[in-house]
mmCIF file of all heavy atoms, coordinates in Angstrom:
data_MODEL
# 
_entry.id   MODEL 
# 
loop_
_atom_site.group_PDB 
_atom_site.id 
_atom_site.type_symbol 
_atom_site.label_atom_id 
_atom_site.label_alt_id 
_atom_site.label_comp_id 
_atom_site.label_asym_id 
_atom_site.label_entity_id 
_atom_site.label_seq_id 
_atom_site.pdbx_PDB_ins_code 
_atom_site.Cartn_x 
_atom_site.Cartn_y 
_atom_site.Cartn_z 
_atom_site.occupancy 
_atom_site.B_iso_or_equiv 
_atom_site.pdbx_formal_charge 
_atom_site.auth_seq_id 
_atom_site.auth_comp_id 
_atom_site.auth_asym_id 
_atom_site.auth_atom_id 
_atom_site.pdbx_PDB_model_num 
ATOM 1   N N   . ALA A 1 1  ? 13.464 -15.540 15.706 1.00 0.00 ? 1  ALA A N   1 
ATOM 2   C CA  . ALA A 1 1  ? 14.392 -14.767 14.867 1.00 0.00 ? 1  ALA A CA  1 
ATOM 3   C C   . ALA A 1 1  ? 13.654 -14.094 13.711 1.00 0.00 ? 1  ALA A C   1 
ATOM 4   O O   . ALA A 1 1  ? 13.905 -12.929 13.387 1.00 0.00 ? 1  ALA A O   1 
ATOM 5   C CB  . ALA A 1 1  ? 15.499 -15.676 14.331 1.00 0.00 ? 1  ALA A CB  1 
ATOM 6   N N   . GLU A 1 2  ? 12.737 -14.836 13.100 1.00 0.00 ? 2  GLU A N   1 
ATOM 7   C CA  . GLU A 1 2  ? 11.957 -14.282 11.986 1.00 0.00 ? 2  GLU A CA  1 
ATOM 8   C C   . GLU A 1 2  ? 11.084 -13.122 12.458 1.00 0.00 ? 2  GLU A C   1 
ATOM 9   O O   . GLU A 1 2  ? 10.985 -12.079 11.806 1.00 0.00 ? 2  GLU A O   1 
ATOM 10  C CB  . GLU A 1 2  ? 11.085 -15.362 11.352 1.00 0.00 ? 2  GLU A CB  1 
ATOM 11  C CG  . GLU A 1 2  ? 11.843 -16.430 10.591 1.00 0.00 ? 2  GLU A CG  1 
ATOM 12  C CD  . GLU A 1 2  ? 12.319 -17.572 11.485 1.00 0.00 ? 2  GLU A CD  1 
ATOM 13  O OE1 . GLU A 1 2  ? 12.237 -17.421 12.727 1.00 0.00 ? 2  GLU A OE1 1 
ATOM 14  O OE2 . GLU A 1 2  ? 12.761 -18.599 10.946 1.00 0.00 ? 2  GLU A OE2 1 
ATOM 15  N N   . LYS A 1 3  ? 10.451 -13.292 13.616 1.00 0.00 ? 3  LYS A N   1 
ATOM 16  C CA  . LYS A 1 3  ? 9.587  -12.240 14.153 1.00 0.00 ? 3  LYS A CA  1 
ATOM 17  C C   . LYS A 1 3  ? 10.383 -10.977 14.469 1.00 0.00 ? 3  LYS A C   1 
ATOM 18  O O   . LYS A 1 3  ? 9.892  -9.860  14.269 1.00 0.00 ? 3  LYS A O   1 
ATOM 19  C CB  . LYS A 1 3  ? 8.864  -12.744 15.403 1.00 0.00 ? 3  LYS A CB  1 
ATOM 20  C CG  . LYS A 1 3  ? 7.815  -13.798 15.115 1.00 0.00 ? 3  LYS A CG  1 
ATOM 21  C CD  . LYS A 1 3  ? 7.230  -14.362 16.391 1.00 0.00 ? 3  LYS A CD  1 
ATOM 22  C CE  . LYS A 1 3  ? 6.201  -15.437 16.105 1.00 0.00 ? 3  LYS A CE  1 
ATOM 23  N NZ  . LYS A 1 3  ? 5.659  -16.045 17.339 1.00 0.00 ? 3  LYS A NZ  1 
ATOM 24  N N   . ALA A 1 4  ? 11.598 -11.154 14.972 1.00 0.00 ? 4  ALA A N   1 
ATOM 25  C CA  . ALA A 1 4  ? 12.439 -9.995  15.281 1.00 0.00 ? 4  ALA A CA  1 
ATOM 26  C C   . ALA A 1 4  ? 12.775 -9.214  14.014 1.00 0.00 ? 4  ALA A C   1 
ATOM 27  O O   . ALA A 1 4  ? 12.745 -7.972  14.003 1.00 0.00 ? 4  ALA A O   1 
ATOM 28  C CB  . ALA A 1 4  ? 13.719 -10.448 15.986 1.00 0.00 ? 4  ALA A CB  1 
ATOM 29  N N   . ARG A 1 5  ? 13.097 -9.924  12.937 1.00 0.00 ? 5  ARG A N   1 
ATOM 30  C CA  . ARG A 1 5  ? 13.404 -9.245  11.672 1.00 0.00 ? 5  ARG A CA  1 
ATOM 31  C C   . ARG A 1 5  ? 12.170 -8.535  11.104 1.00 0.00 ? 5  ARG A C   1 
ATOM 32  O O   . ARG A 1 5  ? 12.257 -7.411  10.614 1.00 0.00 ? 5  ARG A O   1 
ATOM 33  C CB  . ARG A 1 5  ? 13.937 -10.246 10.638 1.00 0.00 ? 5  ARG A CB  1 
ATOM 34  C CG  . ARG A 1 5  ? 15.248 -10.901 11.010 1.00 0.00 ? 5  ARG A CG  1 
ATOM 35  C CD  . ARG A 1 5  ? 15.945 -11.499 9.790  1.00 0.00 ? 5  ARG A CD  1 
ATOM 36  N NE  . ARG A 1 5  ? 15.104 -12.441 9.068  1.00 0.00 ? 5  ARG A NE  1 
ATOM 37  C CZ  . ARG A 1 5  ? 15.048 -13.752 9.319  1.00 0.00 ? 5  ARG A CZ  1 
ATOM 38  N NH1 . ARG A 1 5  ? 15.768 -14.259 10.318 1.00 0.00 ? 5  ARG A NH1 1 
ATOM 39  N NH2 . ARG A 1 5  ? 14.289 -14.561 8.596  1.00 0.00 ? 5  ARG A NH2 1 
ATOM 40  N N   . ILE A 1 6  ? 11.036 -9.204  11.188 1.00 0.00 ? 6  ILE A N   1 
ATOM 41  C CA  . ILE A 1 6  ? 9.797  -8.614  10.686 1.00 0.00 ? 6  ILE A CA  1 
ATOM 42  C C   . ILE A 1 6  ? 9.440  -7.372  11.494 1.00 0.00 ? 6  ILE A C   1 
ATOM 43  O O   . ILE A 1 6  ? 9.068  -6.331  10.941 1.00 0.00 ? 6  ILE A O   1 
ATOM 44  C CB  . ILE A 1 6  ? 8.650  -9.646  10.742 1.00 0.00 ? 6  ILE A CB  1 
ATOM 45  C CG1 . ILE A 1 6  ? 8.906  -10.778 9.744  1.00 0.00 ? 6  ILE A CG1 1 
ATOM 46  C CG2 . ILE A 1 6  ? 7.304  -8.980  10.451 1.00 0.00 ? 6  ILE A CG2 1 
ATOM 47  C CD1 . ILE A 1 6  ? 7.997  -11.978 9.926  1.00 0.00 ? 6  ILE A CD1 1 
ATOM 48  N N   . GLY A 1 7  ? 9.563  -7.472  12.816 1.00 0.00 ? 7  GLY A N   1 
ATOM 49  C CA  . GLY A 1 7  ? 9.262  -6.329  13.674 1.00 0.00 ? 7  GLY A CA  1 
ATOM 50  C C   . GLY A 1 7  ? 10.156 -5.138  13.393 1.00 0.00 ? 7  GLY A C   1 
ATOM 51  O O   . GLY A 1 7  ? 9.696  -3.991  13.370 1.00 0.00 ? 7  GLY A O   1 
ATOM 52  N N   . ALA A 1 8  ? 11.443 -5.407  13.152 1.00 0.00 ? 8  ALA A N   1 
ATOM 53  C CA  . ALA A 1 8  ? 12.385 -4.327  12.849 1.00 0.00 ? 8  ALA A CA  1 
ATOM 54  C C   . ALA A 1 8  ? 12.034 -3.654  11.528 1.00 0.00 ? 8  ALA A C   1 
ATOM 55  O O   . ALA A 1 8  ? 12.060 -2.418  11.414 1.00 0.00 ? 8  ALA A O   1 
ATOM 56  C CB  . ALA A 1 8  ? 13.808 -4.875  12.804 1.00 0.00 ? 8  ALA A CB  1 
ATOM 57  N N   . ALA A 1 9  ? 11.695 -4.447  10.518 1.00 0.00 ? 9  ALA A N   1 
ATOM 58  C CA  . ALA A 1 9  ? 11.331 -3.891  9.209  1.00 0.00 ? 9  ALA A CA  1 
ATOM 59  C C   . ALA A 1 9  ? 10.052 -3.066  9.299  1.00 0.00 ? 9  ALA A C   1 
ATOM 60  O O   . ALA A 1 9  ? 9.940  -2.004  8.671  1.00 0.00 ? 9  ALA A O   1 
ATOM 61  C CB  . ALA A 1 9  ? 11.158 -5.023  8.199  1.00 0.00 ? 9  ALA A CB  1 
ATOM 62  N N   . ALA A 1 10 ? 9.089  -3.530  10.084 1.00 0.00 ? 10 ALA A N   1 
ATOM 63  C CA  . ALA A 1 10 ? 7.829  -2.801  10.236 1.00 0.00 ? 10 ALA A CA  1 
ATOM 64  C C   . ALA A 1 10 ? 8.050  -1.470  10.953 1.00 0.00 ? 10 ALA A C   1 
ATOM 65  O O   . ALA A 1 10 ? 7.488  -0.436  10.558 1.00 0.00 ? 10 ALA A O   1 
ATOM 66  C CB  . ALA A 1 10 ? 6.829  -3.657  10.998 1.00 0.00 ? 10 ALA A CB  1 
ATOM 67  N N   . ALA A 1 11 ? 8.858  -1.479  11.998 1.00 0.00 ? 11 ALA A N   1 
ATOM 68  C CA  . ALA A 1 11 ? 9.106  -0.254  12.767 1.00 0.00 ? 11 ALA A CA  1 
ATOM 69  C C   . ALA A 1 11 ? 9.751  0.828   11.907 1.00 0.00 ? 11 ALA A C   1 
ATOM 70  O O   . ALA A 1 11 ? 9.525  2.034   12.132 1.00 0.00 ? 11 ALA A O   1 
ATOM 71  C CB  . ALA A 1 11 ? 9.989  -0.569  13.972 1.00 0.00 ? 11 ALA A CB  1 
ATOM 72  N N   . GLU A 1 12 ? 10.533 0.431   10.911 1.00 0.00 ? 12 GLU A N   1 
ATOM 73  C CA  . GLU A 1 12 ? 11.183 1.399   10.025 1.00 0.00 ? 12 GLU A CA  1 
ATOM 74  C C   . GLU A 1 12 ? 10.178 2.176   9.167  1.00 0.00 ? 12 GLU A C   1 
ATOM 75  O O   . GLU A 1 12 ? 10.506 3.212   8.600  1.00 0.00 ? 12 GLU A O   1 
ATOM 76  C CB  . GLU A 1 12 ? 12.186 0.682   9.113  1.00 0.00 ? 12 GLU A CB  1 
ATOM 77  C CG  . GLU A 1 12 ? 13.391 0.085   9.830  1.00 0.00 ? 12 GLU A CG  1 
ATOM 78  C CD  . GLU A 1 12 ? 14.313 1.149   10.411 1.00 0.00 ? 12 GLU A CD  1 
ATOM 79  O OE1 . GLU A 1 12 ? 14.283 2.302   9.931  1.00 0.00 ? 12 GLU A OE1 1 
ATOM 80  O OE2 . GLU A 1 12 ? 15.056 0.819   11.361 1.00 0.00 ? 12 GLU A OE2 1 
ATOM 81  N N   . LEU A 1 13 ? 8.953  1.680   9.073  1.00 0.00 ? 13 LEU A N   1 
ATOM 82  C CA  . LEU A 1 13 ? 7.918  2.355   8.281  1.00 0.00 ? 13 LEU A CA  1 
ATOM 83  C C   . LEU A 1 13 ? 7.247  3.494   9.046  1.00 0.00 ? 13 LEU A C   1 
ATOM 84  O O   . LEU A 1 13 ? 6.536  4.311   8.458  1.00 0.00 ? 13 LEU A O   1 
ATOM 85  C CB  . LEU A 1 13 ? 6.838  1.356   7.855  1.00 0.00 ? 13 LEU A CB  1 
ATOM 86  C CG  . LEU A 1 13 ? 7.280  0.185   6.976  1.00 0.00 ? 13 LEU A CG  1 
ATOM 87  C CD1 . LEU A 1 13 ? 6.115  -0.778  6.776  1.00 0.00 ? 13 LEU A CD1 1 
ATOM 88  C CD2 . LEU A 1 13 ? 7.802  0.684   5.636  1.00 0.00 ? 13 LEU A CD2 1 
ATOM 89  N N   . ILE A 1 14 ? 7.455  3.550   10.348 1.00 0.00 ? 14 ILE A N   1 
ATOM 90  C CA  . ILE A 1 14 ? 6.800  4.557   11.191 1.00 0.00 ? 14 ILE A CA  1 
ATOM 91  C C   . ILE A 1 14 ? 7.519  5.892   11.066 1.00 0.00 ? 14 ILE A C   1 
ATOM 92  O O   . ILE A 1 14 ? 8.748  5.963   11.118 1.00 0.00 ? 14 ILE A O   1 
ATOM 93  C CB  . ILE A 1 14 ? 6.769  4.085   12.652 1.00 0.00 ? 14 ILE A CB  1 
ATOM 94  C CG1 . ILE A 1 14 ? 6.026  2.738   12.759 1.00 0.00 ? 14 ILE A CG1 1 
ATOM 95  C CG2 . ILE A 1 14 ? 6.108  5.130   13.542 1.00 0.00 ? 14 ILE A CG2 1 
ATOM 96  C CD1 . ILE A 1 14 ? 6.154  2.078   14.120 1.00 0.00 ? 14 ILE A CD1 1 
ATOM 97  N N   . ARG A 1 15 ? 6.739  6.958   10.916 1.00 0.00 ? 15 ARG A N   1 
ATOM 98  C CA  . ARG A 1 15 ? 7.288  8.298   10.737 1.00 0.00 ? 15 ARG A CA  1 
ATOM 99  C C   . ARG A 1 15 ? 6.897  9.203   11.912 1.00 0.00 ? 15 ARG A C   1 
ATOM 100 O O   . ARG A 1 15 ? 5.842  9.008   12.525 1.00 0.00 ? 15 ARG A O   1 
ATOM 101 C CB  . ARG A 1 15 ? 6.771  8.912   9.424  1.00 0.00 ? 15 ARG A CB  1 
ATOM 102 C CG  . ARG A 1 15 ? 7.201  8.136   8.193  1.00 0.00 ? 15 ARG A CG  1 
ATOM 103 C CD  . ARG A 1 15 ? 8.706  8.275   7.945  1.00 0.00 ? 15 ARG A CD  1 
ATOM 104 N NE  . ARG A 1 15 ? 9.167  7.451   6.836  1.00 0.00 ? 15 ARG A NE  1 
ATOM 105 C CZ  . ARG A 1 15 ? 9.772  6.299   6.963  1.00 0.00 ? 15 ARG A CZ  1 
ATOM 106 N NH1 . ARG A 1 15 ? 9.986  5.803   8.175  1.00 0.00 ? 15 ARG A NH1 1 
ATOM 107 N NH2 . ARG A 1 15 ? 10.192 5.627   5.909  1.00 0.00 ? 15 ARG A NH2 1 
ATOM 108 N N   . PRO A 1 16 ? 7.731  10.223  12.208 1.00 0.00 ? 16 PRO A N   1 
ATOM 109 C CA  . PRO A 1 16 ? 7.405  11.156  13.296 1.00 0.00 ? 16 PRO A CA  1 
ATOM 110 C C   . PRO A 1 16 ? 6.045  11.817  13.072 1.00 0.00 ? 16 PRO A C   1 
ATOM 111 O O   . PRO A 1 16 ? 5.697  12.172  11.943 1.00 0.00 ? 16 PRO A O   1 
ATOM 112 C CB  . PRO A 1 16 ? 8.534  12.190  13.212 1.00 0.00 ? 16 PRO A CB  1 
ATOM 113 C CG  . PRO A 1 16 ? 9.676  11.463  12.580 1.00 0.00 ? 16 PRO A CG  1 
ATOM 114 C CD  . PRO A 1 16 ? 9.047  10.522  11.598 1.00 0.00 ? 16 PRO A CD  1 
ATOM 115 N N   . GLY A 1 17 ? 5.298  11.948  14.140 1.00 0.00 ? 17 GLY A N   1 
ATOM 116 C CA  . GLY A 1 17 ? 4.003  12.590  14.073 1.00 0.00 ? 17 GLY A CA  1 
ATOM 117 C C   . GLY A 1 17 ? 2.854  11.664  13.722 1.00 0.00 ? 17 GLY A C   1 
ATOM 118 O O   . GLY A 1 17 ? 1.696  12.086  13.738 1.00 0.00 ? 17 GLY A O   1 
ATOM 119 N N   . GLN A 1 18 ? 3.138  10.400  13.447 1.00 0.00 ? 18 GLN A N   1 
ATOM 120 C CA  . GLN A 1 18 ? 2.081  9.478   13.046 1.00 0.00 ? 18 GLN A CA  1 
ATOM 121 C C   . GLN A 1 18 ? 1.319  8.905   14.241 1.00 0.00 ? 18 GLN A C   1 
ATOM 122 O O   . GLN A 1 18 ? 1.828  8.829   15.358 1.00 0.00 ? 18 GLN A O   1 
ATOM 123 C CB  . GLN A 1 18 ? 2.650  8.320   12.214 1.00 0.00 ? 18 GLN A CB  1 
ATOM 124 C CG  . GLN A 1 18 ? 3.010  8.693   10.790 1.00 0.00 ? 18 GLN A CG  1 
ATOM 125 C CD  . GLN A 1 18 ? 3.243  7.477   9.922  1.00 0.00 ? 18 GLN A CD  1 
ATOM 126 O OE1 . GLN A 1 18 ? 3.688  6.429   10.375 1.00 0.00 ? 18 GLN A OE1 1 
ATOM 127 N NE2 . GLN A 1 18 ? 2.942  7.622   8.638  1.00 0.00 ? 18 GLN A NE2 1 
ATOM 128 N N   . ILE A 1 19 ? 0.092  8.504   13.945 1.00 0.00 ? 19 ILE A N   1 
ATOM 129 C CA  . ILE A 1 19 ? -0.720 7.734   14.879 1.00 0.00 ? 19 ILE A CA  1 
ATOM 130 C C   . ILE A 1 19 ? -0.763 6.319   14.332 1.00 0.00 ? 19 ILE A C   1 
ATOM 131 O O   . ILE A 1 19 ? -1.156 6.106   13.179 1.00 0.00 ? 19 ILE A O   1 
ATOM 132 C CB  . ILE A 1 19 ? -2.157 8.284   14.974 1.00 0.00 ? 19 ILE A CB  1 
ATOM 133 C CG1 . ILE A 1 19 ? -2.145 9.746   15.432 1.00 0.00 ? 19 ILE A CG1 1 
ATOM 134 C CG2 . ILE A 1 19 ? -2.993 7.432   15.929 1.00 0.00 ? 19 ILE A CG2 1 
ATOM 135 C CD1 . ILE A 1 19 ? -3.487 10.430  15.276 1.00 0.00 ? 19 ILE A CD1 1 
ATOM 136 N N   . ILE A 1 20 ? -0.354 5.347   15.130 1.00 0.00 ? 20 ILE A N   1 
ATOM 137 C CA  . ILE A 1 20 ? -0.332 3.963   14.661 1.00 0.00 ? 20 ILE A CA  1 
ATOM 138 C C   . ILE A 1 20 ? -1.166 3.075   15.586 1.00 0.00 ? 20 ILE A C   1 
ATOM 139 O O   . ILE A 1 20 ? -1.375 3.405   16.757 1.00 0.00 ? 20 ILE A O   1 
ATOM 140 C CB  . ILE A 1 20 ? 1.100  3.399   14.556 1.00 0.00 ? 20 ILE A CB  1 
ATOM 141 C CG1 . ILE A 1 20 ? 1.716  3.205   15.948 1.00 0.00 ? 20 ILE A CG1 1 
ATOM 142 C CG2 . ILE A 1 20 ? 1.981  4.286   13.688 1.00 0.00 ? 20 ILE A CG2 1 
ATOM 143 C CD1 . ILE A 1 20 ? 2.976  2.362   15.962 1.00 0.00 ? 20 ILE A CD1 1 
ATOM 144 N N   . ILE A 1 21 ? -1.654 1.976   15.035 1.00 0.00 ? 21 ILE A N   1 
ATOM 145 C CA  . ILE A 1 21 ? -2.339 0.958   15.829 1.00 0.00 ? 21 ILE A CA  1 
ATOM 146 C C   . ILE A 1 21 ? -1.467 -0.286  15.841 1.00 0.00 ? 21 ILE A C   1 
ATOM 147 O O   . ILE A 1 21 ? -1.025 -0.750  14.786 1.00 0.00 ? 21 ILE A O   1 
ATOM 148 C CB  . ILE A 1 21 ? -3.717 0.595   15.249 1.00 0.00 ? 21 ILE A CB  1 
ATOM 149 C CG1 . ILE A 1 21 ? -4.623 1.821   15.185 1.00 0.00 ? 21 ILE A CG1 1 
ATOM 150 C CG2 . ILE A 1 21 ? -4.385 -0.488  16.100 1.00 0.00 ? 21 ILE A CG2 1 
ATOM 151 C CD1 . ILE A 1 21 ? -5.954 1.557   14.508 1.00 0.00 ? 21 ILE A CD1 1 
ATOM 152 N N   . LEU A 1 22 ? -1.230 -0.812  17.029 1.00 0.00 ? 22 LEU A N   1 
ATOM 153 C CA  . LEU A 1 22 ? -0.522 -2.080  17.177 1.00 0.00 ? 22 LEU A CA  1 
ATOM 154 C C   . LEU A 1 22 ? -1.511 -3.124  17.684 1.00 0.00 ? 22 LEU A C   1 
ATOM 155 O O   . LEU A 1 22 ? -2.022 -3.019  18.799 1.00 0.00 ? 22 LEU A O   1 
ATOM 156 C CB  . LEU A 1 22 ? 0.642  -1.961  18.165 1.00 0.00 ? 22 LEU A CB  1 
ATOM 157 C CG  . LEU A 1 22 ? 1.922  -1.289  17.695 1.00 0.00 ? 22 LEU A CG  1 
ATOM 158 C CD1 . LEU A 1 22 ? 2.969  -1.359  18.807 1.00 0.00 ? 22 LEU A CD1 1 
ATOM 159 C CD2 . LEU A 1 22 ? 2.455  -1.922  16.428 1.00 0.00 ? 22 LEU A CD2 1 
ATOM 160 N N   . ASP A 1 23 ? -1.794 -4.101  16.864 1.00 0.00 ? 23 ASP A N   1 
ATOM 161 C CA  . ASP A 1 23 ? -2.651 -5.212  17.263 1.00 0.00 ? 23 ASP A CA  1 
ATOM 162 C C   . ASP A 1 23 ? -1.904 -6.077  18.279 1.00 0.00 ? 23 ASP A C   1 
ATOM 163 O O   . ASP A 1 23 ? -0.691 -5.930  18.476 1.00 0.00 ? 23 ASP A O   1 
ATOM 164 C CB  . ASP A 1 23 ? -3.013 -6.012  15.999 1.00 0.00 ? 23 ASP A CB  1 
ATOM 165 C CG  . ASP A 1 23 ? -3.781 -7.276  16.303 1.00 0.00 ? 23 ASP A CG  1 
ATOM 166 O OD1 . ASP A 1 23 ? -4.622 -7.243  17.216 1.00 0.00 ? 23 ASP A OD1 1 
ATOM 167 O OD2 . ASP A 1 23 ? -3.544 -8.292  15.634 1.00 0.00 ? 23 ASP A OD2 1 
ATOM 168 N N   . SER A 1 24 ? -2.611 -6.991  18.924 1.00 0.00 ? 24 SER A N   1 
ATOM 169 C CA  . SER A 1 24 ? -1.968 -7.910  19.862 1.00 0.00 ? 24 SER A CA  1 
ATOM 170 C C   . SER A 1 24 ? -1.194 -8.981  19.105 1.00 0.00 ? 24 SER A C   1 
ATOM 171 O O   . SER A 1 24 ? -1.423 -9.219  17.923 1.00 0.00 ? 24 SER A O   1 
ATOM 172 C CB  . SER A 1 24 ? -3.024 -8.579  20.753 1.00 0.00 ? 24 SER A CB  1 
ATOM 173 O OG  . SER A 1 24 ? -3.898 -9.362  19.960 1.00 0.00 ? 24 SER A OG  1 
ATOM 174 N N   . GLY A 1 25 ? -0.260 -9.623  19.801 1.00 0.00 ? 25 GLY A N   1 
ATOM 175 C CA  . GLY A 1 25 ? 0.509  -10.699 19.184 1.00 0.00 ? 25 GLY A CA  1 
ATOM 176 C C   . GLY A 1 25 ? 1.986  -10.576 19.462 1.00 0.00 ? 25 GLY A C   1 
ATOM 177 O O   . GLY A 1 25 ? 2.482  -9.528  19.894 1.00 0.00 ? 25 GLY A O   1 
ATOM 178 N N   . THR A 1 26 ? 2.710  -11.643 19.198 1.00 0.00 ? 26 THR A N   1 
ATOM 179 C CA  . THR A 1 26 ? 4.144  -11.654 19.479 1.00 0.00 ? 26 THR A CA  1 
ATOM 180 C C   . THR A 1 26 ? 4.948  -10.884 18.435 1.00 0.00 ? 26 THR A C   1 
ATOM 181 O O   . THR A 1 26 ? 5.988  -10.310 18.757 1.00 0.00 ? 26 THR A O   1 
ATOM 182 C CB  . THR A 1 26 ? 4.654  -13.107 19.552 1.00 0.00 ? 26 THR A CB  1 
ATOM 183 O OG1 . THR A 1 26 ? 4.242  -13.821 18.378 1.00 0.00 ? 26 THR A OG1 1 
ATOM 184 C CG2 . THR A 1 26 ? 4.077  -13.817 20.765 1.00 0.00 ? 26 THR A CG2 1 
ATOM 185 N N   . THR A 1 27 ? 4.487  -10.856 17.192 1.00 0.00 ? 27 THR A N   1 
ATOM 186 C CA  . THR A 1 27 ? 5.217  -10.124 16.159 1.00 0.00 ? 27 THR A CA  1 
ATOM 187 C C   . THR A 1 27 ? 5.012  -8.619  16.311 1.00 0.00 ? 27 THR A C   1 
ATOM 188 O O   . THR A 1 27 ? 5.953  -7.839  16.156 1.00 0.00 ? 27 THR A O   1 
ATOM 189 C CB  . THR A 1 27 ? 4.783  -10.573 14.750 1.00 0.00 ? 27 THR A CB  1 
ATOM 190 O OG1 . THR A 1 27 ? 4.858  -12.003 14.671 1.00 0.00 ? 27 THR A OG1 1 
ATOM 191 C CG2 . THR A 1 27 ? 5.704  -9.984  13.692 1.00 0.00 ? 27 THR A CG2 1 
ATOM 192 N N   . THR A 1 28 ? 3.796  -8.201  16.638 1.00 0.00 ? 28 THR A N   1 
ATOM 193 C CA  . THR A 1 28 ? 3.560  -6.775  16.873 1.00 0.00 ? 28 THR A CA  1 
ATOM 194 C C   . THR A 1 28 ? 4.291  -6.305  18.133 1.00 0.00 ? 28 THR A C   1 
ATOM 195 O O   . THR A 1 28 ? 4.700  -5.146  18.219 1.00 0.00 ? 28 THR A O   1 
ATOM 196 C CB  . THR A 1 28 ? 2.056  -6.474  16.993 1.00 0.00 ? 28 THR A CB  1 
ATOM 197 O OG1 . THR A 1 28 ? 1.452  -7.421  17.884 1.00 0.00 ? 28 THR A OG1 1 
ATOM 198 C CG2 . THR A 1 28 ? 1.373  -6.569  15.635 1.00 0.00 ? 28 THR A CG2 1 
# 
């Protein structure tokens, strides 16, 4: 449940046109 909330909050930081890196792991 905590990871789902963290993942949702992180995804909200992504903007159109950006290049992002996602590391391995269950939270990413």
